[in-house]
């Protein structure tokens, strides 16, 4: 219904997903093995993990506190499908924390192998989770919520958008004239 309106909150989520998938590819490329470097490149891995932690703090919080409850209220039957997504959020946070913890240990071949396995598991779950959200949560919400509900959802999501990513709102006052 409101797929192309400015009040559609899903475009931001989809852009977030696209950026995270790109970062995930970069994270995997920093792993040793095959045609990749023979040693773990820690600096890019740490930077990518930090980015994902920031992204999780805002993106997942917005989904858990606003998006999922809104969909659940409008379409109670969605509850059975939303519960596993909540659990995946928890699992992804735990996996990311474990990966950070593993990187705190002294660099050894065994530690680097463990990082590789953790990154592979994390990447697999995150990709699967994103596909589920895009196909179920976003697509279903766009069909179930009416225009008024979508606008309300967009307003409730504003606090979760980093200030530097918010679009400036047009002023209601007339333009000031140069003096």
N, C-alpha and C. Protein backbone atom coordinates (compact mmCIF):
# COMPACT_ATOMS: atom_id res chain seq x y z
N UNK A 1 0.81 -1.21 0.00
CA UNK A 1 0.00 0.00 0.00
C UNK A 1 0.84 1.26 0.00
N UNK A 2 1.75 1.34 0.96
CA UNK A 2 2.53 2.57 1.12
C UNK A 2 3.98 2.34 0.75
N UNK A 3 4.21 1.42 -0.16
CA UNK A 3 5.57 1.03 -0.53
C UNK A 3 6.44 2.20 -0.95
N UNK A 4 5.90 3.15 -1.65
CA UNK A 4 6.74 4.21 -2.19
C UNK A 4 6.61 5.53 -1.45
N UNK A 5 5.94 5.53 -0.31
CA UNK A 5 5.79 6.80 0.41
C UNK A 5 7.01 7.09 1.25
N UNK A 6 7.18 8.37 1.59
CA UNK A 6 8.29 8.76 2.46
C UNK A 6 8.12 8.21 3.86
N UNK A 7 6.90 7.86 4.24
CA UNK A 7 6.64 7.35 5.58
C UNK A 7 6.97 5.86 5.70
N UNK A 8 7.46 5.25 4.65
CA UNK A 8 7.76 3.82 4.68
C UNK A 8 9.06 3.58 5.44
N UNK A 9 8.98 3.00 6.63
CA UNK A 9 10.19 2.80 7.44
C UNK A 9 11.07 1.66 6.95
N UNK A 10 10.57 0.84 6.06
CA UNK A 10 11.32 -0.35 5.66
C UNK A 10 12.49 -0.05 4.75
N UNK A 11 12.44 1.07 4.06
CA UNK A 11 13.57 1.42 3.19
C UNK A 11 14.84 1.57 4.00
N UNK A 12 14.75 2.22 5.15
CA UNK A 12 15.93 2.39 6.01
C UNK A 12 16.45 1.03 6.48
N UNK A 13 15.55 0.15 6.90
CA UNK A 13 15.96 -1.18 7.34
C UNK A 13 16.63 -1.95 6.20
N UNK A 14 16.06 -1.83 5.01
CA UNK A 14 16.65 -2.54 3.86
C UNK A 14 18.04 -1.98 3.53
N UNK A 15 18.19 -0.66 3.61
CA UNK A 15 19.52 -0.07 3.38
C UNK A 15 20.51 -0.55 4.45
N UNK A 16 20.06 -0.59 5.70
CA UNK A 16 20.90 -1.12 6.77
C UNK A 16 21.33 -2.55 6.45
N UNK A 17 20.39 -3.37 6.01
CA UNK A 17 20.71 -4.75 5.68
C UNK A 17 21.73 -4.83 4.56
N UNK A 18 21.56 -4.01 3.55
CA UNK A 18 22.51 -4.01 2.43
C UNK A 18 23.91 -3.64 2.92
N UNK A 19 23.99 -2.59 3.73
CA UNK A 19 25.31 -2.18 4.26
C UNK A 19 25.92 -3.27 5.13
N UNK A 20 25.11 -3.90 5.96
CA UNK A 20 25.63 -4.96 6.84
C UNK A 20 26.11 -6.15 6.01
N UNK A 21 25.39 -6.49 4.97
CA UNK A 21 25.83 -7.61 4.12
C UNK A 21 27.15 -7.30 3.43
N UNK A 22 27.33 -6.06 3.01
CA UNK A 22 28.61 -5.65 2.41
C UNK A 22 29.72 -5.78 3.46
N UNK A 23 29.46 -5.27 4.66
CA UNK A 23 30.45 -5.37 5.74
C UNK A 23 30.74 -6.82 6.10
N UNK A 24 29.74 -7.64 6.05
CA UNK A 24 29.92 -9.06 6.35
C UNK A 24 30.86 -9.69 5.32
N UNK A 25 30.69 -9.34 4.07
CA UNK A 25 31.60 -9.81 3.03
C UNK A 25 33.03 -9.35 3.28
N UNK A 26 33.17 -8.11 3.75
CA UNK A 26 34.50 -7.59 4.08
C UNK A 26 35.10 -8.34 5.27
N UNK A 27 34.25 -8.65 6.24
CA UNK A 27 34.72 -9.40 7.40
C UNK A 27 35.23 -10.78 6.97
N UNK A 28 34.47 -11.44 6.13
CA UNK A 28 34.89 -12.76 5.64
C UNK A 28 36.16 -12.66 4.80
N UNK A 29 36.31 -11.59 4.04
CA UNK A 29 37.51 -11.42 3.22
C UNK A 29 38.76 -11.21 4.07
N UNK A 30 38.59 -10.76 5.30
CA UNK A 30 39.74 -10.55 6.18
C UNK A 30 40.18 -11.83 6.87
N UNK A 31 39.44 -12.91 6.64
CA UNK A 31 39.77 -14.19 7.27
C UNK A 31 40.84 -14.92 6.47
N UNK A 32 41.72 -15.65 7.17
CA UNK A 32 42.75 -16.42 6.46
C UNK A 32 42.17 -17.65 5.77
N UNK A 33 42.87 -18.11 4.74
CA UNK A 33 42.48 -19.35 4.07
C UNK A 33 42.20 -19.13 2.60
N UNK A 34 42.40 -20.19 1.83
CA UNK A 34 42.12 -20.13 0.39
C UNK A 34 42.93 -19.04 -0.28
N UNK A 35 42.26 -18.21 -1.05
CA UNK A 35 42.93 -17.10 -1.74
C UNK A 35 43.08 -15.88 -0.83
N UNK A 36 42.52 -16.00 0.34
CA UNK A 36 42.58 -14.89 1.30
C UNK A 36 43.96 -14.85 1.93
N UNK A 37 44.21 -13.82 2.75
CA UNK A 37 45.52 -13.73 3.41
C UNK A 37 45.78 -14.96 4.27
N UNK A 38 47.05 -15.29 4.45
CA UNK A 38 47.42 -16.46 5.25
C UNK A 38 47.27 -16.20 6.75
N UNK A 39 47.27 -14.94 7.12
CA UNK A 39 47.11 -14.59 8.53
C UNK A 39 45.88 -13.71 8.69
N UNK A 40 45.33 -13.75 9.88
CA UNK A 40 44.18 -12.94 10.19
C UNK A 40 44.58 -11.47 10.23
N UNK A 41 43.85 -10.65 9.48
CA UNK A 41 44.08 -9.20 9.52
C UNK A 41 43.17 -8.63 10.60
N UNK A 42 43.73 -8.42 11.79
CA UNK A 42 42.92 -8.06 12.94
C UNK A 42 42.32 -6.67 12.87
N UNK A 43 43.05 -5.69 12.40
CA UNK A 43 42.54 -4.31 12.41
C UNK A 43 41.22 -4.20 11.65
N UNK A 44 41.15 -4.70 10.41
CA UNK A 44 39.85 -4.59 9.72
C UNK A 44 38.76 -5.42 10.39
N UNK A 45 39.13 -6.56 10.96
CA UNK A 45 38.14 -7.39 11.63
C UNK A 45 37.57 -6.65 12.84
N UNK A 46 38.45 -6.05 13.63
CA UNK A 46 37.98 -5.29 14.80
C UNK A 46 37.10 -4.11 14.39
N UNK A 47 37.49 -3.42 13.33
CA UNK A 47 36.70 -2.27 12.87
C UNK A 47 35.32 -2.73 12.38
N UNK A 48 35.29 -3.84 11.68
CA UNK A 48 34.01 -4.34 11.18
C UNK A 48 33.12 -4.83 12.32
N UNK A 49 33.72 -5.45 13.31
CA UNK A 49 32.95 -5.90 14.47
C UNK A 49 32.37 -4.69 15.21
N UNK A 50 33.18 -3.65 15.38
CA UNK A 50 32.70 -2.44 16.04
C UNK A 50 31.52 -1.84 15.27
N UNK A 51 31.61 -1.82 13.94
CA UNK A 51 30.51 -1.31 13.12
C UNK A 51 29.25 -2.16 13.34
N UNK A 52 29.41 -3.46 13.34
CA UNK A 52 28.26 -4.34 13.53
C UNK A 52 27.64 -4.15 14.92
N UNK A 53 28.48 -3.96 15.93
CA UNK A 53 27.95 -3.73 17.28
C UNK A 53 27.11 -2.45 17.31
N UNK A 54 27.59 -1.39 16.68
CA UNK A 54 26.82 -0.13 16.62
C UNK A 54 25.52 -0.34 15.86
N UNK A 55 25.61 -1.05 14.76
CA UNK A 55 24.43 -1.30 13.94
C UNK A 55 23.40 -2.12 14.72
N UNK A 56 23.87 -3.12 15.44
CA UNK A 56 22.96 -3.94 16.23
C UNK A 56 22.28 -3.10 17.30
N UNK A 57 23.02 -2.20 17.91
CA UNK A 57 22.48 -1.39 19.00
C UNK A 57 21.29 -0.55 18.56
N UNK A 58 21.30 -0.06 17.34
CA UNK A 58 20.19 0.77 16.88
C UNK A 58 19.18 -0.03 16.06
N UNK A 59 19.66 -0.78 15.10
CA UNK A 59 18.78 -1.49 14.17
C UNK A 59 17.94 -2.54 14.90
N UNK A 60 18.60 -3.41 15.64
CA UNK A 60 17.87 -4.48 16.33
C UNK A 60 16.96 -3.90 17.41
N UNK A 61 17.42 -2.88 18.10
CA UNK A 61 16.59 -2.25 19.13
C UNK A 61 15.32 -1.68 18.50
N UNK A 62 15.43 -1.05 17.35
CA UNK A 62 14.26 -0.49 16.66
C UNK A 62 13.29 -1.61 16.27
N UNK A 63 13.83 -2.71 15.81
CA UNK A 63 12.96 -3.84 15.45
C UNK A 63 12.26 -4.41 16.67
N UNK A 64 13.02 -4.61 17.75
CA UNK A 64 12.47 -5.25 18.94
C UNK A 64 11.49 -4.35 19.71
N UNK A 65 11.79 -3.06 19.77
CA UNK A 65 10.99 -2.15 20.58
C UNK A 65 9.82 -1.52 19.83
N UNK A 66 9.93 -1.44 18.51
CA UNK A 66 8.89 -0.75 17.75
C UNK A 66 8.31 -1.62 16.64
N UNK A 67 9.14 -2.11 15.75
CA UNK A 67 8.65 -2.80 14.55
C UNK A 67 7.92 -4.10 14.88
N UNK A 68 8.57 -5.00 15.58
CA UNK A 68 7.94 -6.29 15.90
C UNK A 68 6.65 -6.12 16.70
N UNK A 69 6.65 -5.28 17.76
CA UNK A 69 5.39 -5.11 18.51
C UNK A 69 4.27 -4.51 17.65
N UNK A 70 4.62 -3.59 16.76
CA UNK A 70 3.60 -3.01 15.89
C UNK A 70 2.99 -4.07 14.99
N UNK A 71 3.84 -4.91 14.41
CA UNK A 71 3.34 -5.98 13.55
C UNK A 71 2.52 -6.98 14.36
N UNK A 72 2.99 -7.33 15.54
CA UNK A 72 2.27 -8.27 16.41
C UNK A 72 0.88 -7.73 16.76
N UNK A 73 0.81 -6.44 17.04
CA UNK A 73 -0.48 -5.84 17.40
C UNK A 73 -1.43 -5.82 16.20
N UNK A 74 -0.91 -5.47 15.03
CA UNK A 74 -1.76 -5.38 13.84
C UNK A 74 -2.12 -6.76 13.29
N UNK A 75 -1.26 -7.73 13.53
CA UNK A 75 -1.44 -9.06 12.94
C UNK A 75 -0.99 -10.09 13.98
N UNK A 76 -1.84 -10.40 14.96
CA UNK A 76 -1.45 -11.28 16.07
C UNK A 76 -0.89 -12.64 15.63
N UNK A 77 -1.32 -13.11 14.48
CA UNK A 77 -0.83 -14.40 13.98
C UNK A 77 0.67 -14.37 13.69
N UNK A 78 1.26 -13.19 13.60
CA UNK A 78 2.68 -13.06 13.30
C UNK A 78 3.56 -13.45 14.49
N UNK A 79 2.97 -13.53 15.67
CA UNK A 79 3.75 -13.82 16.87
C UNK A 79 4.61 -15.07 16.77
N UNK A 80 4.07 -16.11 16.20
CA UNK A 80 4.82 -17.37 16.09
C UNK A 80 6.05 -17.21 15.21
N UNK A 81 6.01 -16.33 14.25
CA UNK A 81 7.17 -16.09 13.38
C UNK A 81 8.12 -15.05 13.94
N UNK A 82 7.62 -14.18 14.79
CA UNK A 82 8.48 -13.13 15.37
C UNK A 82 9.33 -13.66 16.52
N UNK A 83 8.83 -14.62 17.27
CA UNK A 83 9.60 -15.16 18.40
C UNK A 83 10.97 -15.69 17.98
N UNK A 84 11.07 -16.48 16.91
CA UNK A 84 12.40 -16.94 16.50
C UNK A 84 13.31 -15.80 16.06
N UNK A 85 12.75 -14.73 15.50
CA UNK A 85 13.57 -13.59 15.10
C UNK A 85 14.14 -12.89 16.33
N UNK A 86 13.35 -12.78 17.38
CA UNK A 86 13.86 -12.24 18.65
C UNK A 86 15.01 -13.09 19.15
N UNK A 87 14.83 -14.40 19.11
CA UNK A 87 15.88 -15.30 19.59
C UNK A 87 17.14 -15.18 18.74
N UNK A 88 16.97 -15.03 17.44
CA UNK A 88 18.14 -14.86 16.57
C UNK A 88 18.88 -13.57 16.90
N UNK A 89 18.15 -12.52 17.24
CA UNK A 89 18.82 -11.28 17.67
C UNK A 89 19.70 -11.57 18.88
N UNK A 90 19.14 -12.28 19.86
CA UNK A 90 19.92 -12.63 21.06
C UNK A 90 21.13 -13.48 20.69
N UNK A 91 20.91 -14.46 19.83
CA UNK A 91 22.00 -15.35 19.41
C UNK A 91 23.10 -14.57 18.68
N UNK A 92 22.71 -13.66 17.81
CA UNK A 92 23.69 -12.86 17.07
C UNK A 92 24.50 -11.97 18.00
N UNK A 93 23.84 -11.39 18.99
CA UNK A 93 24.57 -10.56 19.96
C UNK A 93 25.58 -11.40 20.74
N UNK A 94 25.17 -12.59 21.17
CA UNK A 94 26.07 -13.49 21.91
C UNK A 94 27.24 -13.90 21.02
N UNK A 95 26.96 -14.22 19.78
CA UNK A 95 28.02 -14.63 18.86
C UNK A 95 29.02 -13.50 18.62
N UNK A 96 28.51 -12.29 18.47
CA UNK A 96 29.39 -11.15 18.24
C UNK A 96 30.24 -10.88 19.48
N UNK A 97 29.64 -11.00 20.66
CA UNK A 97 30.40 -10.81 21.91
C UNK A 97 31.47 -11.91 22.05
N UNK A 98 31.12 -13.13 21.69
CA UNK A 98 32.09 -14.22 21.78
C UNK A 98 33.25 -13.99 20.81
N UNK A 99 32.93 -13.50 19.63
CA UNK A 99 33.97 -13.20 18.65
C UNK A 99 34.89 -12.11 19.17
N UNK A 100 34.31 -11.09 19.77
CA UNK A 100 35.12 -10.02 20.37
C UNK A 100 36.01 -10.59 21.46
N UNK A 101 35.45 -11.46 22.28
CA UNK A 101 36.23 -12.09 23.34
C UNK A 101 37.37 -12.94 22.81
N UNK A 102 37.10 -13.68 21.76
CA UNK A 102 38.15 -14.51 21.16
C UNK A 102 39.28 -13.64 20.64
N UNK A 103 38.94 -12.51 20.05
CA UNK A 103 39.96 -11.60 19.53
C UNK A 103 40.80 -10.96 20.64
N UNK A 104 40.31 -10.97 21.86
CA UNK A 104 41.07 -10.42 22.99
C UNK A 104 42.20 -11.35 23.42
N UNK A 105 42.09 -12.60 23.05
CA UNK A 105 43.13 -13.55 23.42
C UNK A 105 44.37 -13.32 22.55
N UNK A 106 45.54 -13.74 23.05
CA UNK A 106 46.76 -13.59 22.24
C UNK A 106 46.63 -14.31 20.90
N UNK A 107 47.21 -13.71 19.88
CA UNK A 107 47.14 -14.28 18.53
C UNK A 107 47.93 -15.57 18.46
N UNK A 108 47.24 -16.64 18.08
CA UNK A 108 47.86 -17.93 17.81
C UNK A 108 47.13 -18.52 16.61
N UNK A 109 47.70 -19.55 16.06
CA UNK A 109 47.04 -20.21 14.94
C UNK A 109 45.68 -20.78 15.38
N UNK A 110 45.64 -21.39 16.57
CA UNK A 110 44.39 -21.96 17.08
C UNK A 110 43.33 -20.87 17.29
N UNK A 111 43.76 -19.74 17.85
CA UNK A 111 42.81 -18.64 18.06
C UNK A 111 42.28 -18.14 16.72
N UNK A 112 43.16 -17.97 15.74
CA UNK A 112 42.74 -17.50 14.43
C UNK A 112 41.78 -18.47 13.75
N UNK A 113 42.00 -19.78 13.96
CA UNK A 113 41.07 -20.78 13.40
C UNK A 113 39.71 -20.67 14.08
N UNK A 114 39.73 -20.41 15.38
CA UNK A 114 38.48 -20.24 16.10
C UNK A 114 37.75 -18.99 15.61
N UNK A 115 38.47 -17.91 15.38
CA UNK A 115 37.86 -16.69 14.84
C UNK A 115 37.22 -16.99 13.49
N UNK A 116 37.91 -17.72 12.65
CA UNK A 116 37.37 -18.08 11.33
C UNK A 116 36.06 -18.84 11.47
N UNK A 117 36.01 -19.83 12.34
CA UNK A 117 34.79 -20.61 12.54
C UNK A 117 33.68 -19.73 13.09
N UNK A 118 34.00 -18.88 14.05
CA UNK A 118 32.99 -17.99 14.62
C UNK A 118 32.45 -17.03 13.57
N UNK A 119 33.32 -16.49 12.74
CA UNK A 119 32.87 -15.58 11.69
C UNK A 119 31.96 -16.32 10.70
N UNK A 120 32.33 -17.53 10.33
CA UNK A 120 31.50 -18.29 9.40
C UNK A 120 30.11 -18.56 9.98
N UNK A 121 30.06 -18.98 11.23
CA UNK A 121 28.77 -19.25 11.88
C UNK A 121 27.94 -17.98 12.00
N UNK A 122 28.59 -16.91 12.43
CA UNK A 122 27.92 -15.63 12.57
C UNK A 122 27.36 -15.16 11.23
N UNK A 123 28.17 -15.21 10.19
CA UNK A 123 27.76 -14.76 8.86
C UNK A 123 26.58 -15.57 8.35
N UNK A 124 26.62 -16.87 8.56
CA UNK A 124 25.54 -17.74 8.10
C UNK A 124 24.22 -17.37 8.79
N UNK A 125 24.25 -17.22 10.12
CA UNK A 125 23.03 -16.88 10.83
C UNK A 125 22.55 -15.48 10.46
N UNK A 126 23.45 -14.52 10.35
CA UNK A 126 23.03 -13.16 10.03
C UNK A 126 22.40 -13.08 8.64
N UNK A 127 22.98 -13.75 7.67
CA UNK A 127 22.38 -13.75 6.32
C UNK A 127 20.99 -14.38 6.33
N UNK A 128 20.86 -15.49 7.01
CA UNK A 128 19.57 -16.17 7.11
C UNK A 128 18.55 -15.26 7.81
N UNK A 129 18.96 -14.63 8.88
CA UNK A 129 18.08 -13.73 9.63
C UNK A 129 17.61 -12.56 8.75
N UNK A 130 18.51 -11.98 8.03
CA UNK A 130 18.16 -10.85 7.15
C UNK A 130 17.15 -11.30 6.10
N UNK A 131 17.38 -12.47 5.51
CA UNK A 131 16.42 -12.97 4.50
C UNK A 131 15.03 -13.15 5.12
N UNK A 132 14.97 -13.69 6.33
CA UNK A 132 13.68 -13.88 7.00
C UNK A 132 13.01 -12.53 7.25
N UNK A 133 13.75 -11.58 7.75
CA UNK A 133 13.15 -10.26 8.03
C UNK A 133 12.64 -9.62 6.76
N UNK A 134 13.43 -9.67 5.72
CA UNK A 134 13.02 -9.00 4.48
C UNK A 134 11.79 -9.68 3.89
N UNK A 135 11.77 -11.00 3.89
CA UNK A 135 10.65 -11.69 3.24
C UNK A 135 9.42 -11.78 4.13
N UNK A 136 9.62 -11.88 5.43
CA UNK A 136 8.45 -12.00 6.29
C UNK A 136 8.05 -10.67 6.92
N UNK A 137 8.92 -10.10 7.72
CA UNK A 137 8.55 -8.93 8.51
C UNK A 137 8.24 -7.73 7.62
N UNK A 138 9.15 -7.36 6.76
CA UNK A 138 8.94 -6.15 5.96
C UNK A 138 7.82 -6.33 4.95
N UNK A 139 7.87 -7.41 4.19
CA UNK A 139 6.86 -7.61 3.16
C UNK A 139 5.46 -7.77 3.79
N UNK A 140 5.38 -8.54 4.87
CA UNK A 140 4.09 -8.72 5.52
C UNK A 140 3.59 -7.40 6.10
N UNK A 141 4.45 -6.67 6.77
CA UNK A 141 4.05 -5.39 7.37
C UNK A 141 3.53 -4.44 6.31
N UNK A 142 4.19 -4.40 5.18
CA UNK A 142 3.75 -3.49 4.12
C UNK A 142 2.36 -3.86 3.61
N UNK A 143 2.03 -5.15 3.68
CA UNK A 143 0.70 -5.58 3.23
C UNK A 143 -0.36 -5.41 4.31
N UNK A 144 0.03 -5.58 5.58
CA UNK A 144 -0.93 -5.59 6.68
C UNK A 144 -1.21 -4.20 7.24
N UNK A 145 -0.16 -3.38 7.36
CA UNK A 145 -0.34 -2.05 7.96
C UNK A 145 -0.89 -1.07 6.93
N UNK A 146 -1.83 -0.25 7.36
CA UNK A 146 -2.35 0.77 6.45
C UNK A 146 -1.44 2.00 6.46
N UNK A 147 -1.74 2.97 5.64
CA UNK A 147 -0.88 4.16 5.51
C UNK A 147 -0.72 4.90 6.82
N UNK A 148 -1.79 5.04 7.57
CA UNK A 148 -1.73 5.73 8.86
C UNK A 148 -0.82 4.97 9.83
N UNK A 149 -0.94 3.66 9.86
CA UNK A 149 -0.11 2.86 10.75
C UNK A 149 1.37 2.92 10.34
N UNK A 150 1.62 2.93 9.04
CA UNK A 150 3.00 3.04 8.57
C UNK A 150 3.60 4.39 8.93
N UNK A 151 2.82 5.47 8.81
CA UNK A 151 3.33 6.79 9.20
C UNK A 151 3.62 6.82 10.70
N UNK A 152 2.72 6.25 11.50
CA UNK A 152 2.94 6.20 12.94
C UNK A 152 4.17 5.38 13.28
N UNK A 153 4.36 4.28 12.59
CA UNK A 153 5.54 3.44 12.79
C UNK A 153 6.80 4.24 12.46
N UNK A 154 6.77 4.94 11.35
CA UNK A 154 7.93 5.75 10.94
C UNK A 154 8.26 6.80 12.01
N UNK A 155 7.24 7.43 12.57
CA UNK A 155 7.48 8.43 13.63
C UNK A 155 8.09 7.79 14.88
N UNK A 156 7.60 6.63 15.26
CA UNK A 156 8.12 5.96 16.46
C UNK A 156 9.55 5.46 16.26
N UNK A 157 9.96 5.30 15.02
CA UNK A 157 11.32 4.82 14.74
C UNK A 157 12.35 5.94 14.71
N UNK A 158 11.92 7.19 14.63
CA UNK A 158 12.85 8.32 14.53
C UNK A 158 13.92 8.31 15.63
N UNK A 159 13.58 8.06 16.90
CA UNK A 159 14.63 8.08 17.93
C UNK A 159 15.74 7.05 17.71
N UNK A 160 15.49 6.04 16.90
CA UNK A 160 16.49 5.00 16.65
C UNK A 160 17.40 5.33 15.47
N UNK A 161 17.09 6.40 14.77
CA UNK A 161 17.91 6.81 13.63
C UNK A 161 19.02 7.71 14.15
N UNK A 162 20.28 7.37 13.89
CA UNK A 162 21.36 8.25 14.35
C UNK A 162 21.15 9.67 13.82
N UNK A 163 21.45 10.65 14.65
CA UNK A 163 21.21 12.05 14.30
C UNK A 163 21.85 12.43 12.96
N UNK A 164 23.04 11.89 12.68
CA UNK A 164 23.72 12.25 11.44
C UNK A 164 23.08 11.59 10.21
N UNK A 165 22.14 10.68 10.41
CA UNK A 165 21.48 10.02 9.29
C UNK A 165 20.07 10.54 9.04
N UNK A 166 19.60 11.40 9.92
CA UNK A 166 18.24 11.93 9.76
C UNK A 166 18.21 12.98 8.68
N UNK A 167 17.13 12.95 7.94
CA UNK A 167 16.94 13.97 6.90
C UNK A 167 16.43 15.24 7.56
N UNK A 168 16.96 16.38 7.14
CA UNK A 168 16.43 17.63 7.71
C UNK A 168 14.97 17.80 7.32
N UNK A 169 14.17 18.23 8.28
CA UNK A 169 12.75 18.45 8.02
C UNK A 169 12.57 19.85 7.45
N UNK A 170 11.68 20.01 6.48
CA UNK A 170 11.43 21.35 5.94
C UNK A 170 10.90 22.27 7.03
N UNK A 171 11.36 23.48 6.99
CA UNK A 171 10.95 24.46 7.99
C UNK A 171 9.54 24.92 7.71
N UNK A 172 8.79 25.16 8.77
CA UNK A 172 7.43 25.67 8.61
C UNK A 172 7.41 27.18 8.53
N UNK A 173 8.51 27.78 8.90
CA UNK A 173 8.57 29.24 8.84
C UNK A 173 9.03 29.66 7.45
N UNK A 174 8.77 30.88 7.12
CA UNK A 174 9.20 31.36 5.82
C UNK A 174 10.71 31.54 5.80
N UNK A 175 11.26 31.52 4.64
CA UNK A 175 12.72 31.65 4.49
C UNK A 175 13.17 33.01 5.01
N UNK A 176 14.32 32.99 5.65
CA UNK A 176 14.85 34.28 6.08
C UNK A 176 15.53 34.95 4.90
N UNK A 177 15.46 36.24 4.89
CA UNK A 177 16.06 37.00 3.79
C UNK A 177 17.41 37.49 4.21
N UNK A 178 18.37 37.55 3.29
CA UNK A 178 19.68 38.09 3.65
C UNK A 178 19.54 39.55 4.05
N UNK A 179 20.32 39.94 5.05
CA UNK A 179 20.24 41.33 5.49
C UNK A 179 21.26 42.19 4.82
